Protein backbone atom coordinates (compact mmCIF):
# COMPACT_ATOMS: atom_id res chain seq x y z
CA MET A 1 -1.69 -9.54 9.55
CA ALA A 2 -2.63 -7.02 12.25
CA PHE A 3 -1.32 -4.14 10.12
CA TYR A 4 -3.61 -5.03 7.23
CA ARG A 5 -6.60 -5.55 9.53
CA ASP A 6 -6.15 -2.92 12.24
CA THR A 7 -4.22 -0.19 10.44
CA LEU A 8 -5.46 -0.47 6.87
CA GLY A 9 -8.94 -1.60 7.93
CA LEU A 10 -9.12 -4.57 5.57
CA GLU A 11 -11.15 -7.69 6.25
CA VAL A 12 -8.63 -10.43 7.12
CA THR A 13 -9.01 -14.20 7.42
CA VAL A 14 -6.14 -16.18 8.97
CA TRP A 15 -5.44 -19.68 7.66
CA GLU A 16 -3.55 -21.51 10.45
CA GLU A 17 -3.79 -24.75 8.46
CA MET A 18 -1.80 -23.00 5.72
CA GLY A 19 1.14 -22.03 7.90
CA GLY A 20 -0.45 -18.92 9.32
CA GLY A 21 -1.01 -17.27 5.98
CA PHE A 22 -3.89 -14.86 5.64
CA THR A 23 -6.24 -13.47 3.05
CA PHE A 24 -7.33 -9.87 2.94
CA LYS A 25 -10.23 -8.62 0.89
CA LEU A 26 -9.63 -5.72 -1.46
CA PRO A 27 -11.99 -2.74 -1.29
CA GLY A 28 -13.13 -3.13 -4.90
CA GLY A 29 -13.52 -6.91 -4.77
CA GLY A 30 -11.11 -9.78 -4.98
CA SER A 31 -8.63 -10.86 -2.36
CA VAL A 32 -4.93 -11.40 -1.78
CA PHE A 33 -3.33 -14.36 -0.01
CA VAL A 34 -0.18 -13.56 2.01
CA TYR A 35 2.03 -16.20 3.56
CA PRO A 36 4.86 -15.93 6.08
CA LYS A 37 8.47 -16.69 5.18
CA GLU A 38 11.19 -17.09 7.81
CA ASP A 39 14.01 -15.47 5.82
CA HIS A 40 11.82 -12.83 4.16
CA GLU A 41 13.60 -9.92 2.54
CA PRO A 42 11.34 -7.07 1.46
CA ALA A 43 11.23 -6.17 -2.19
CA VAL A 44 12.89 -2.91 -3.23
CA PHE A 45 9.88 -2.05 -5.38
CA THR A 46 6.15 -1.57 -4.87
CA ILE A 47 4.40 -4.91 -4.34
CA LEU A 48 0.82 -3.68 -3.96
CA ASN A 49 -1.05 -0.60 -5.23
CA PHE A 50 -4.36 0.53 -3.77
CA GLY A 51 -6.44 2.76 -6.02
CA VAL A 52 -8.04 5.73 -4.27
CA ASP A 53 -10.28 8.57 -5.43
CA ASP A 54 -8.62 11.29 -3.33
CA ILE A 55 -4.88 10.96 -2.72
CA ASP A 56 -4.77 13.73 -0.10
CA ALA A 57 -7.61 12.21 1.94
CA ALA A 58 -6.04 8.73 1.69
CA VAL A 59 -2.64 9.99 2.84
CA ASP A 60 -4.17 12.04 5.67
CA ASP A 61 -6.08 8.94 6.82
CA LEU A 62 -2.95 6.75 6.67
CA ASN A 63 -0.92 9.36 8.57
CA ALA A 64 -3.66 9.60 11.23
CA ARG A 65 -3.37 5.81 11.65
CA GLY A 66 0.39 6.15 12.24
CA VAL A 67 1.53 5.16 8.74
CA VAL A 68 4.54 7.10 7.42
CA THR A 69 4.02 8.03 3.77
CA LYS A 70 7.16 10.10 3.29
CA ILE A 71 9.55 7.23 2.55
CA TYR A 72 11.32 8.70 -0.49
CA THR A 73 13.39 11.85 -0.16
CA ASP A 74 15.13 11.97 -3.54
CA PRO A 75 14.45 15.51 -4.81
CA ASP A 76 14.37 14.24 -8.39
CA TYR A 77 11.40 12.03 -7.56
CA GLY A 78 9.26 14.94 -6.53
CA THR A 79 7.36 13.89 -3.42
CA ASP A 80 5.89 16.69 -1.38
CA GLU A 81 5.85 17.05 2.41
CA LYS A 82 3.14 14.36 2.67
CA GLY A 83 5.11 11.95 0.50
CA ILE A 84 2.84 12.39 -2.51
CA SER A 85 4.32 12.31 -5.98
CA ARG A 86 2.01 14.44 -8.10
CA GLY A 87 2.06 13.32 -11.72
CA PHE A 88 5.75 12.41 -11.81
CA MET A 89 6.76 11.63 -15.39
CA GLY A 90 3.10 11.77 -16.44
CA GLY A 91 2.06 9.11 -13.93
CA PRO A 92 -0.75 9.21 -11.39
CA ASP A 93 -0.60 10.96 -8.03
CA MET A 94 0.92 8.34 -5.70
CA ALA A 95 2.23 7.93 -2.15
CA TRP A 96 4.19 5.00 -0.78
CA PHE A 97 4.52 3.41 2.64
CA ARG A 98 5.90 0.21 4.15
CA ASP A 99 4.16 -2.60 5.97
CA PRO A 100 5.79 -3.99 9.16
CA ALA A 101 7.77 -6.51 7.08
CA GLY A 102 9.28 -3.66 5.03
CA ASN A 103 7.28 -4.25 1.84
CA VAL A 104 6.50 -1.14 -0.19
CA ILE A 105 2.81 -0.45 -0.76
CA SER A 106 1.21 2.52 -2.49
CA VAL A 107 -2.01 4.45 -2.72
CA GLY A 108 -2.72 6.33 -5.89
CA VAL A 109 -5.30 7.86 -8.15
CA MET A 110 -5.11 5.15 -10.80
CA THR A 111 -6.24 5.45 -14.37
CA PRO A 112 -8.99 3.05 -15.52
CA GLN A 113 -6.38 1.21 -17.60
CA MET A 114 -4.18 0.67 -14.53
CA MET A 115 -7.17 -0.82 -12.71
CA GLY A 116 -7.95 -3.23 -15.56
CA GLN A 117 -11.03 -1.36 -16.76
């Protein structure tokens, strides 16, 4: 919970009556409910994508907050020194990082279609 609040700067509400789960508000509206699980195993894929207007500024901000965005090193995937994949296979510019539980999260310059618009 602290990572989402203190590091990512999201508004967080803890729900002790729901087992210590928490809700964080998304920058563009809406919210996500997260709940703890004793035997949690992180997914091997991206579980959450945050749309940003400027990928370089977003990655610089995350790095300044201590978040490592260079988590993929496969040369075929094409991430640069900041961990940004720039248009890989025609996709958006993206960078990935992990939360303290090991879940993969991304920031990216999403197309309107990807953002449900």
